Protein backbone atom coordinates (compact mmCIF):
# COMPACT_ATOMS: atom_id res chain seq x y z
CA MET A 1 -18.27 5.79 12.36
CA ARG A 2 -19.39 8.40 14.91
CA VAL A 3 -18.21 6.23 17.80
CA CYS A 4 -14.79 5.86 16.16
CA ALA A 5 -14.66 9.60 15.46
CA GLN A 6 -15.37 10.38 19.12
CA ALA A 7 -12.59 7.99 20.11
CA VAL A 8 -10.11 9.77 17.82
CA ALA A 9 -11.18 13.15 19.22
CA ASP A 10 -10.67 11.89 22.77
CA TYR A 11 -7.25 10.52 21.81
CA LEU A 12 -6.20 13.83 20.26
CA LYS A 13 -7.26 15.72 23.38
CA GLN A 14 -5.50 13.22 25.63
CA THR A 15 -2.22 13.51 23.72
CA GLY A 16 -2.25 17.29 23.25
CA LEU A 17 -2.65 16.99 19.46
CA ALA A 18 -6.14 18.49 19.31
CA SER A 19 -4.78 22.00 18.76
CA ARG A 20 -3.17 20.86 15.50
CA GLY A 21 -6.51 19.92 13.99
CA LEU A 22 -7.51 16.89 11.93
CA ILE A 23 -7.80 16.15 8.21
CA ILE A 24 -10.75 14.06 7.01
CA GLY A 25 -10.90 12.45 3.58
CA TYR A 26 -12.74 9.69 1.78
CA ASP A 27 -12.75 7.42 -1.28
CA THR A 28 -15.25 6.74 -4.11
CA ARG A 29 -17.30 4.07 -2.34
CA PHE A 30 -21.01 4.29 -1.71
CA ALA A 31 -21.86 7.18 0.65
CA SER A 32 -18.21 7.76 1.63
CA GLU A 33 -18.73 11.52 1.53
CA ASP A 34 -21.72 11.18 3.89
CA PHE A 35 -19.72 9.10 6.35
CA ALA A 36 -16.92 11.68 6.17
CA SER A 37 -19.38 14.50 6.91
CA ALA A 38 -20.77 12.57 9.89
CA VAL A 39 -17.25 12.08 11.22
CA ALA A 40 -16.45 15.78 10.70
CA GLU A 41 -19.52 16.75 12.75
CA VAL A 42 -18.29 14.68 15.70
CA VAL A 43 -14.71 15.95 15.58
CA ALA A 44 -15.94 19.54 15.29
CA GLY A 45 -18.34 18.85 18.17
CA ASN A 46 -15.24 18.29 20.27
CA ARG A 47 -13.95 21.76 19.27
CA ILE A 48 -11.20 20.33 17.10
CA LYS A 49 -10.60 22.11 13.78
CA VAL A 50 -11.34 19.93 10.74
CA CYS A 51 -9.97 20.23 7.21
CA LEU A 52 -12.47 18.25 5.13
CA CYS A 53 -11.59 17.11 1.61
CA PRO A 54 -14.17 18.44 -0.89
CA ARG A 55 -14.01 15.34 -3.10
CA ALA A 56 -12.78 11.74 -3.11
CA THR A 57 -9.06 11.93 -2.38
CA PRO A 58 -6.26 9.31 -2.52
CA THR A 59 -4.97 8.20 0.85
CA PRO A 60 -1.34 9.20 0.06
CA VAL A 61 -2.55 12.72 -0.76
CA ILE A 62 -4.19 12.85 2.66
CA SER A 63 -1.13 11.36 4.37
CA TYR A 64 1.12 13.97 2.78
CA GLY A 65 -1.43 16.62 3.73
CA VAL A 66 -1.02 15.67 7.40
CA ARG A 67 2.72 16.26 7.15
CA SER A 68 2.51 19.44 5.07
CA GLN A 69 -0.19 21.02 7.24
CA GLY A 70 1.28 19.88 10.56
CA ALA A 71 -2.05 18.29 11.48
CA GLY A 72 -2.59 16.04 14.47
CA GLY A 73 -3.56 13.21 12.15
CA ALA A 74 -6.22 12.21 9.65
CA ILE A 75 -9.29 10.05 9.31
CA VAL A 76 -9.84 8.42 5.93
CA ILE A 77 -13.16 6.81 5.10
CA THR A 78 -12.07 3.95 2.85
CA ALA A 79 -12.10 0.19 2.58
CA SER A 80 -9.06 0.41 0.32
CA HIS A 81 -8.80 -2.72 -1.87
CA ASN A 82 -11.69 -4.64 -0.32
CA PRO A 83 -15.03 -5.62 -1.96
CA ALA A 84 -17.73 -3.05 -2.74
CA VAL A 85 -19.93 -4.00 0.23
CA TRP A 86 -17.23 -2.84 2.66
CA SER A 87 -16.49 0.57 4.08
CA GLY A 88 -13.76 1.44 6.52
CA PHE A 89 -12.28 3.94 8.96
CA LYS A 90 -8.51 4.57 8.82
CA TYR A 91 -6.64 6.71 11.30
CA LYS A 92 -3.35 8.29 10.23
CA THR A 93 -0.97 9.59 12.89
CA LYS A 94 0.71 12.99 13.02
CA ASP A 95 3.44 11.44 10.84
CA GLY A 96 0.85 10.66 8.16
CA VAL A 97 1.25 6.91 8.62
CA SER A 98 -0.97 4.03 9.70
CA ALA A 99 -1.28 3.91 13.45
CA PRO A 100 1.05 1.45 15.23
CA SER A 101 -0.37 -1.04 17.73
CA LYS A 102 0.33 1.23 20.68
CA ILE A 103 -1.97 3.91 19.27
CA THR A 104 -4.69 1.53 18.05
CA THR A 105 -4.81 0.05 21.56
CA GLU A 106 -5.46 3.53 22.97
CA LEU A 107 -8.13 4.17 20.34
CA GLU A 108 -9.82 0.89 21.22
CA LYS A 109 -9.96 1.95 24.88
CA HIS A 110 -11.63 5.22 23.87
CA ILE A 111 -14.08 3.33 21.64
CA SER A 112 -15.03 1.07 24.55
CA HIS A 113 -15.53 4.10 26.79
CA THR A 114 -17.73 5.83 24.19
CA LEU A 115 -19.84 2.71 23.74
CA ALA A 116 -20.22 2.37 27.50
CA THR A 117 -21.21 6.00 28.10
CA GLY A 118 -23.01 6.66 24.84
CA LYS A 119 -21.64 10.19 24.87
CA ILE A 120 -20.84 11.57 21.42
CA ASN A 121 -20.32 15.29 20.89
CA ARG A 122 -21.66 16.59 17.60
CA VAL A 123 -22.23 19.84 15.70
CA PRO A 124 -24.30 19.88 12.46
CA LEU A 125 -22.00 20.33 9.47
CA ALA A 126 -23.58 23.59 8.29
CA GLN A 127 -23.15 25.08 11.76
CA ALA A 128 -19.57 23.80 12.03
CA LEU A 129 -18.74 25.39 8.67
CA GLU A 130 -20.30 28.66 9.76
CA GLN A 131 -18.33 28.64 13.02
CA GLY A 132 -15.07 27.86 11.24
CA LEU A 133 -14.68 24.52 12.99
CA VAL A 134 -14.79 22.80 9.59
CA GLU A 135 -13.34 24.11 6.37
CA TYR A 136 -12.96 22.47 2.99
CA LEU A 137 -9.37 21.97 1.87
CA ASP A 138 -8.31 20.53 -1.47
CA LEU A 139 -4.99 18.81 -0.76
CA ALA A 140 -4.33 17.78 -4.37
CA PRO A 141 -2.43 20.96 -5.42
CA ILE A 142 -0.13 20.69 -2.38
CA TYR A 143 0.60 17.02 -3.11
CA LEU A 144 1.06 17.50 -6.87
CA HIS A 145 3.48 20.36 -6.28
CA ARG A 146 5.56 18.15 -3.98
CA LEU A 147 5.80 15.48 -6.68
CA THR A 148 7.39 17.98 -9.07
CA GLY A 149 10.41 18.00 -6.74
CA LEU A 150 10.65 14.20 -6.63
CA VAL A 151 10.58 13.28 -10.32
CA ASP A 152 11.18 15.17 -13.58
CA LEU A 153 7.62 15.41 -14.87
CA ASN A 154 8.68 17.33 -17.97
CA GLU A 155 10.93 14.46 -19.02
CA LEU A 156 8.08 12.01 -18.44
CA ARG A 157 5.70 14.15 -20.51
CA ARG A 158 8.18 14.19 -23.41
CA ALA A 159 8.58 10.41 -23.42
CA LYS A 160 7.31 8.50 -26.46
CA LEU A 161 5.42 6.03 -24.32
CA LYS A 162 1.89 4.66 -24.48
CA VAL A 163 0.62 3.96 -20.97
CA VAL A 164 -2.68 2.41 -19.92
CA VAL A 165 -3.83 3.52 -16.47
CA ASP A 166 -6.47 1.66 -14.46
CA PRO A 167 -7.62 3.52 -11.31
CA MET A 168 -10.08 0.66 -10.71
CA TYR A 169 -13.02 3.08 -10.21
CA GLY A 170 -11.17 4.46 -7.19
CA ALA A 171 -9.91 7.78 -5.83
CA GLY A 172 -6.96 7.86 -8.25
CA ILE A 173 -9.12 8.75 -11.25
CA GLY A 174 -7.44 11.50 -13.30
CA TYR A 175 -4.24 11.88 -11.28
CA PHE A 176 -1.81 10.49 -13.87
CA LYS A 177 -3.52 12.53 -16.59
CA THR A 178 -3.21 15.67 -14.48
CA LEU A 179 0.48 15.02 -13.91
CA LEU A 180 1.47 13.83 -17.37
CA GLY A 181 -1.17 15.12 -19.78
CA ASP A 182 -0.54 17.58 -22.63
CA GLY A 183 2.74 15.96 -23.67
CA ALA A 184 4.14 13.36 -26.03
CA ILE A 185 3.31 10.56 -23.63
CA GLU A 186 -0.01 8.91 -24.51
CA LEU A 187 -2.21 8.05 -21.55
CA ILE A 188 -5.24 5.80 -21.86
CA GLU A 189 -7.42 5.59 -18.75
CA ILE A 190 -9.91 2.76 -18.16
CA ASN A 191 -12.38 2.14 -15.31
CA ASN A 192 -12.18 5.87 -14.75
CA GLU A 193 -15.65 6.79 -13.56
CA ARG A 194 -17.05 6.59 -10.06
CA ASN A 195 -18.92 3.31 -9.68
CA PRO A 196 -19.20 2.10 -6.06
CA LEU A 197 -20.08 -1.40 -7.28
CA PHE A 198 -16.60 -1.85 -8.84
CA PRO A 199 -18.29 -3.91 -11.60
CA GLY A 200 -16.46 -7.10 -12.48
CA ILE A 201 -13.53 -6.52 -10.13
CA GLN A 202 -12.41 -5.99 -6.60
CA PRO A 203 -10.34 -2.76 -6.47
CA GLU A 204 -7.11 -4.58 -5.61
CA PRO A 205 -4.31 -4.49 -8.24
CA THR A 206 -3.71 -8.23 -8.54
CA ALA A 207 -3.47 -10.35 -11.69
CA ALA A 208 -7.01 -11.67 -11.20
CA ASN A 209 -8.48 -8.15 -11.15
CA LEU A 210 -6.41 -6.69 -13.99
CA ALA A 211 -7.60 -8.81 -16.94
CA LYS A 212 -9.10 -5.74 -18.61
CA LEU A 213 -5.89 -3.77 -18.12
CA SER A 214 -3.81 -6.62 -19.59
CA ALA A 215 -6.15 -6.95 -22.58
CA THR A 216 -6.10 -3.18 -23.19
CA VAL A 217 -2.30 -3.06 -23.06
CA LYS A 218 -2.08 -5.82 -25.67
CA ARG A 219 -4.86 -4.45 -27.89
CA ARG A 220 -3.53 -0.88 -27.87
CA LYS A 221 0.10 -2.04 -28.16
CA ALA A 222 0.98 -0.03 -25.06
CA ASN A 223 4.39 0.01 -23.38
CA VAL A 224 3.06 -0.61 -19.88
CA GLY A 225 -0.08 -0.75 -17.75
CA LEU A 226 -0.36 0.84 -14.29
CA ALA A 227 -3.16 0.21 -11.79
CA THR A 228 -3.91 1.77 -8.42
CA ASP A 229 -6.23 0.30 -5.81
CA GLY A 230 -9.37 1.91 -4.40
CA ASP A 231 -7.58 4.42 -2.17
CA VAL A 232 -4.41 4.62 -4.29
CA ASP A 233 -1.80 3.43 -1.81
CA ARG A 234 -0.97 0.33 -3.90
CA LEU A 235 0.38 -0.09 -7.41
CA GLY A 236 0.04 -2.93 -9.90
CA VAL A 237 2.12 -3.17 -13.09
CA VAL A 238 1.42 -5.03 -16.33
CA ASP A 239 4.24 -5.38 -18.87
CA GLU A 240 4.11 -4.68 -22.61
CA ASN A 241 2.89 -8.23 -23.24
CA GLY A 242 0.01 -7.94 -20.79
CA VAL A 243 1.84 -10.03 -18.18
CA PHE A 244 1.32 -9.02 -14.55
CA LEU A 245 4.55 -8.26 -12.67
CA THR A 246 4.48 -9.58 -9.12
CA PRO A 247 4.74 -6.95 -6.37
CA LEU A 248 8.06 -8.56 -5.39
CA GLN A 249 9.46 -7.88 -8.85
CA VAL A 250 8.14 -4.31 -8.80
CA LEU A 251 9.60 -3.64 -5.35
CA ALA A 252 13.00 -4.98 -6.39
CA LEU A 253 12.92 -2.84 -9.55
CA LEU A 254 12.00 0.29 -7.57
CA CYS A 255 14.90 -0.42 -5.21
CA LEU A 256 17.26 -0.90 -8.17
CA TYR A 257 15.96 2.36 -9.65
CA GLN A 258 16.63 4.32 -6.48
CA LEU A 259 20.07 2.81 -5.86
CA GLU A 260 21.48 2.54 -9.39
CA VAL A 261 19.61 5.04 -11.57
CA ARG A 262 19.03 7.84 -9.06
CA ARG A 263 22.17 6.94 -7.07
CA GLU A 264 20.36 7.33 -3.77
CA GLN A 265 21.76 5.75 -0.62
CA GLY A 266 19.72 4.49 2.28
CA ALA A 267 18.24 1.51 4.03
CA ILE A 268 15.62 -0.78 2.56
CA VAL A 269 12.72 -2.02 4.71
CA LYS A 270 10.77 -5.14 3.73
CA THR A 271 8.05 -7.28 5.22
CA ILE A 272 8.85 -10.95 5.78
CA ASN A 273 6.73 -11.98 2.78
CA THR A 274 8.66 -9.91 0.26
CA THR A 275 11.57 -10.91 -1.89
CA GLY A 276 15.06 -12.11 -1.04
CA MET A 277 16.25 -10.10 -4.04
CA LEU A 278 16.44 -7.09 -1.73
CA TYR A 279 19.19 -8.71 0.32
CA ARG A 280 21.25 -9.18 -2.83
CA LEU A 281 20.66 -5.56 -3.85
CA GLY A 282 21.69 -4.50 -0.34
CA GLU A 283 24.96 -6.38 -0.79
CA ILE A 284 25.62 -4.93 -4.24
CA PHE A 285 24.94 -1.32 -3.26
CA LYS A 286 26.19 -1.63 0.32
CA VAL A 287 22.97 -0.56 2.07
CA PRO A 288 21.28 -2.25 5.04
CA VAL A 289 18.07 -4.23 4.64
CA TYR A 290 15.64 -4.51 7.56
CA GLU A 291 12.81 -7.02 7.85
CA VAL A 292 9.53 -6.51 9.74
CA PRO A 293 6.23 -8.41 10.19
CA VAL A 294 3.49 -8.14 7.57
CA GLY A 295 1.73 -4.77 7.61
CA PHE A 296 2.87 -1.36 6.41
CA LYS A 297 2.47 0.09 9.90
CA TYR A 298 5.58 -1.91 10.79
CA VAL A 299 7.36 -0.78 7.63
CA SER A 300 6.60 2.88 8.36
CA GLN A 301 7.92 2.75 11.92
CA LYS A 302 11.14 1.08 10.81
CA MET A 303 11.57 3.57 7.97
CA ILE A 304 11.30 6.43 10.46
CA ALA A 305 13.64 4.74 12.95
CA LYS A 306 16.31 4.03 10.30
CA ASN A 307 15.79 7.05 8.01
CA ALA A 308 15.20 4.48 5.29
CA LEU A 309 15.17 5.19 1.58
CA ILE A 310 12.39 2.82 0.56
CA GLY A 311 10.01 0.33 2.11
CA GLY A 312 7.67 -2.20 0.59
CA GLU A 313 5.22 -5.02 1.15
CA GLU A 314 3.98 -8.02 -0.83
CA SER A 315 0.52 -6.56 -1.46
CA GLY A 316 1.87 -3.81 -3.72
CA GLY A 317 2.47 -0.97 -1.26
CA TYR A 318 5.71 0.98 -1.73
CA GLY A 319 6.85 4.01 0.27
CA PHE A 320 9.74 6.46 -0.15
CA PHE A 321 11.16 8.45 2.74
CA MET A 322 14.70 9.88 2.75
CA LEU A 323 15.11 11.00 -0.87
CA ARG A 324 18.28 13.01 -1.51
CA GLU A 325 18.49 12.97 2.28
CA GLN A 326 15.28 15.03 2.44
CA PRO A 327 12.19 13.41 3.98
CA TYR A 328 9.13 12.75 1.86
CA MET A 329 6.67 10.36 3.51
CA PRO A 330 7.20 6.93 5.11
CA GLU A 331 3.87 5.68 3.78
CA ARG A 332 2.59 3.87 0.69
CA ASP A 333 2.04 5.96 -2.43
CA GLY A 334 0.69 4.31 -5.58
CA ILE A 335 0.95 7.47 -7.69
CA LEU A 336 4.59 8.24 -6.93
CA SER A 337 5.44 4.55 -7.31
CA GLY A 338 3.90 4.62 -10.80
CA LEU A 339 5.81 7.76 -11.77
CA TYR A 340 9.06 6.21 -10.57
CA PHE A 341 8.38 3.04 -12.59
CA LEU A 342 7.83 5.11 -15.74
CA ASP A 343 11.01 7.07 -15.02
CA LEU A 344 12.91 3.80 -14.64
CA MET A 345 11.72 2.74 -18.10
CA ILE A 346 12.73 6.08 -19.62
CA LYS A 347 16.12 6.36 -17.92
CA THR A 348 17.13 2.79 -18.89
CA GLY A 349 15.38 2.65 -22.26
CA LYS A 350 14.01 -0.76 -21.30
CA SER A 351 10.53 -2.24 -21.41
CA PRO A 352 9.11 -3.84 -18.26
CA ALA A 353 9.95 -7.35 -19.51
CA GLN A 354 13.49 -6.24 -20.32
CA LEU A 355 13.78 -4.68 -16.88
CA ILE A 356 12.98 -8.03 -15.28
CA ASP A 357 15.75 -9.66 -17.34
CA TYR A 358 18.13 -6.87 -16.28
CA LEU A 359 17.17 -7.31 -12.63
CA TYR A 360 17.75 -11.07 -12.82
CA SER A 361 21.14 -10.50 -14.42
CA LYS A 362 22.13 -8.81 -11.15
CA VAL A 363 20.36 -10.88 -8.48
CA GLY A 364 19.55 -14.16 -10.21
CA PRO A 365 16.09 -15.46 -11.15
CA HIS A 366 13.43 -15.25 -8.46
CA TYR A 367 9.87 -16.49 -8.90
CA PHE A 368 6.99 -16.02 -6.49
CA LYS A 369 3.38 -16.98 -5.90
CA ARG A 370 0.79 -16.58 -3.16
CA ILE A 371 -2.33 -18.67 -2.67
CA ASP A 372 -5.23 -17.85 -0.35
CA ILE A 373 -7.25 -20.66 1.18
CA GLU A 374 -10.53 -20.04 2.99
CA PHE A 375 -11.12 -22.19 6.05
CA PRO A 376 -13.71 -22.50 8.85
CA GLU A 377 -12.66 -20.18 11.68
CA GLY A 378 -12.94 -23.07 14.12
CA LYS A 379 -10.06 -24.81 12.35
CA ARG A 380 -7.53 -22.03 13.04
CA GLN A 381 -6.07 -23.56 16.20
CA GLU A 382 -5.98 -27.02 14.65
CA ILE A 383 -3.98 -25.73 11.68
CA THR A 384 -1.66 -23.79 13.99
CA ASN A 385 -1.03 -26.80 16.23
CA ARG A 386 -0.38 -29.10 13.29
CA ILE A 387 2.45 -26.88 12.04
CA LYS A 388 3.73 -25.77 15.45
CA HIS A 389 4.11 -29.26 16.89
CA ASN A 390 5.44 -30.97 13.77
CA PRO A 391 7.84 -28.53 12.10
CA PRO A 392 9.88 -30.25 9.37
CA GLN A 393 13.67 -30.26 9.52
CA SER A 394 13.83 -30.22 5.73
CA ILE A 395 11.48 -29.38 2.87
CA ASP A 396 11.81 -30.94 -0.56
CA GLY A 397 15.06 -32.51 0.57
CA VAL A 398 16.63 -29.20 1.65
CA LYS A 399 17.42 -28.28 5.26
CA VAL A 400 15.26 -25.45 6.64
CA LYS A 401 15.37 -22.81 9.37
CA LEU A 402 12.04 -21.84 11.00
CA ASP A 403 11.11 -18.21 11.69
CA THR A 404 7.91 -17.62 13.69
CA LYS A 405 7.86 -13.83 14.07
CA ASP A 406 4.73 -13.68 11.85
CA GLY A 407 3.27 -17.06 10.97
CA PHE A 408 5.57 -19.94 10.04
CA ARG A 409 8.35 -19.13 7.59
CA PHE A 410 10.60 -21.91 6.43
CA ILE A 411 13.87 -20.59 5.02
CA LEU A 412 15.59 -23.21 2.89
CA ALA A 413 19.36 -23.52 2.77
CA ASP A 414 19.27 -22.63 -0.95
CA THR A 415 17.56 -19.26 -0.04
CA SER A 416 14.12 -20.36 -1.26
CA TRP A 417 11.39 -19.78 1.30
CA LEU A 418 7.86 -20.83 2.22
CA LEU A 419 5.58 -18.80 4.51
CA ILE A 420 2.32 -19.98 6.06
CA ARG A 421 0.30 -17.35 7.94
CA PHE A 422 -3.27 -16.34 8.66
CA SER A 423 -4.77 -13.17 7.27
CA GLY A 424 -5.22 -10.54 9.97
CA THR A 425 -8.65 -9.48 8.70
CA GLU A 426 -10.49 -12.52 7.32
CA PRO A 427 -10.65 -16.35 7.69
CA VAL A 428 -8.02 -16.95 5.04
CA LEU A 429 -4.80 -18.93 5.26
CA ARG A 430 -2.10 -17.46 3.04
CA LEU A 431 0.76 -19.48 1.60
CA TYR A 432 3.70 -17.69 -0.02
CA ALA A 433 6.76 -19.11 -1.73
CA GLU A 434 9.78 -17.78 -3.60
CA SER A 435 12.40 -19.83 -5.44
CA ASN A 436 14.55 -19.87 -8.56
CA THR A 437 11.96 -21.52 -10.84
CA GLN A 438 8.20 -21.33 -11.08
CA ALA A 439 7.97 -25.12 -10.90
CA ARG A 440 9.84 -25.07 -7.58
CA VAL A 441 7.48 -22.40 -6.26
CA GLU A 442 4.48 -24.59 -7.10
CA ARG A 443 6.17 -27.55 -5.40
CA LEU A 444 6.81 -25.54 -2.22
CA LEU A 445 3.21 -24.33 -2.11
CA GLU A 446 1.92 -27.89 -2.45
CA LEU A 447 4.18 -28.99 0.40
CA GLY A 448 2.89 -26.03 2.41
CA ARG A 449 -0.68 -27.21 1.93
CA GLU A 450 0.34 -30.65 3.18
CA LEU A 451 2.00 -29.12 6.25
CA ALA A 452 -1.11 -27.10 7.10
CA GLY A 453 -3.49 -29.94 6.23
CA VAL A 454 -5.62 -27.79 3.92
């Protein structure tokens, strides 16, 4: 952590951003606050002013803090949605977004230099606080105030809804209650204490990890369940029947909400593994849709370049930028996404299941599934070569077009698609498919396994 912190400090000095200072935050994982303090000591040792979060803080709160404070960037100690044994070091740029490849390459150079020289500047935290190089700054009030201008919280508080919230033991504990408490809306929060072991789950809002949320929604006869991941930049949704909505469905609904309910206008940005429903919505509402490789760092850069309205990815990250032609933040925000989903329910008077039916009435039925397959790392090239050198001209009897910008995506003539790509962080092969029936999705995934030989 200290080596990475020195690299960030060197980068800030190299780019002239050091004078703007740095925000440092952390999540609820084991010893995250200690890692954050160690990082603050190094940054302060380089004579760069640090605003240190006094408690576990959601990543979107920190990202917005960068923009509102005009900071040179942020470091977040978090492993996000990953297992409890992990910790992580995220760098956010001066725009409050995940660093693009150009910046990470520079940071890697500085890391290599620090490792080679062994030189790390450091000031003990108590001394840095006394000298004013580090100060504690609670960013939550600034962030919460901004949300009051983005959604009518009073209307949400008056709603006769029962909502189960699952912060998954993460940094989002208490945020929905703070925003919506003391009203007619009934909020039930589960997994809402700090427990770095994340007992029984991995803090990623997927169907497999939200069994307790689904059961609670059904048992308490709630209208909806909302879950945020460990650092709160992802959202998972469970309908009134305890059924998990896929992130593709949620993204399409959030786009429909912005374009039809709020009557916003602006571009949509999607990763290649998200839904074709967005193209249909783009046609209906006459807005452009842009596609980028997997990873929200690509989404963020395209959102900035195109002044986009909304961007999203398959893993449940949704960001909102040019709202009412005023910029918010081109980065994922699980809290705002959840508020917008509730507002969609209230404004339309529809339950989540009814919203899916309404969405399909406009764009047609779309079903999706992803499977992850672990494989020996030594097999990576063999799998790649098998697909690369024998690409099919048709799949399941339908002619296909091959797109290789990120993995191997086979786009069928009937608009179904199959994507085969490696995870960027672990030895996992991911297969994704979308089609007009669930049975067809399963068929495409099976054919994908045959293609990859796994």
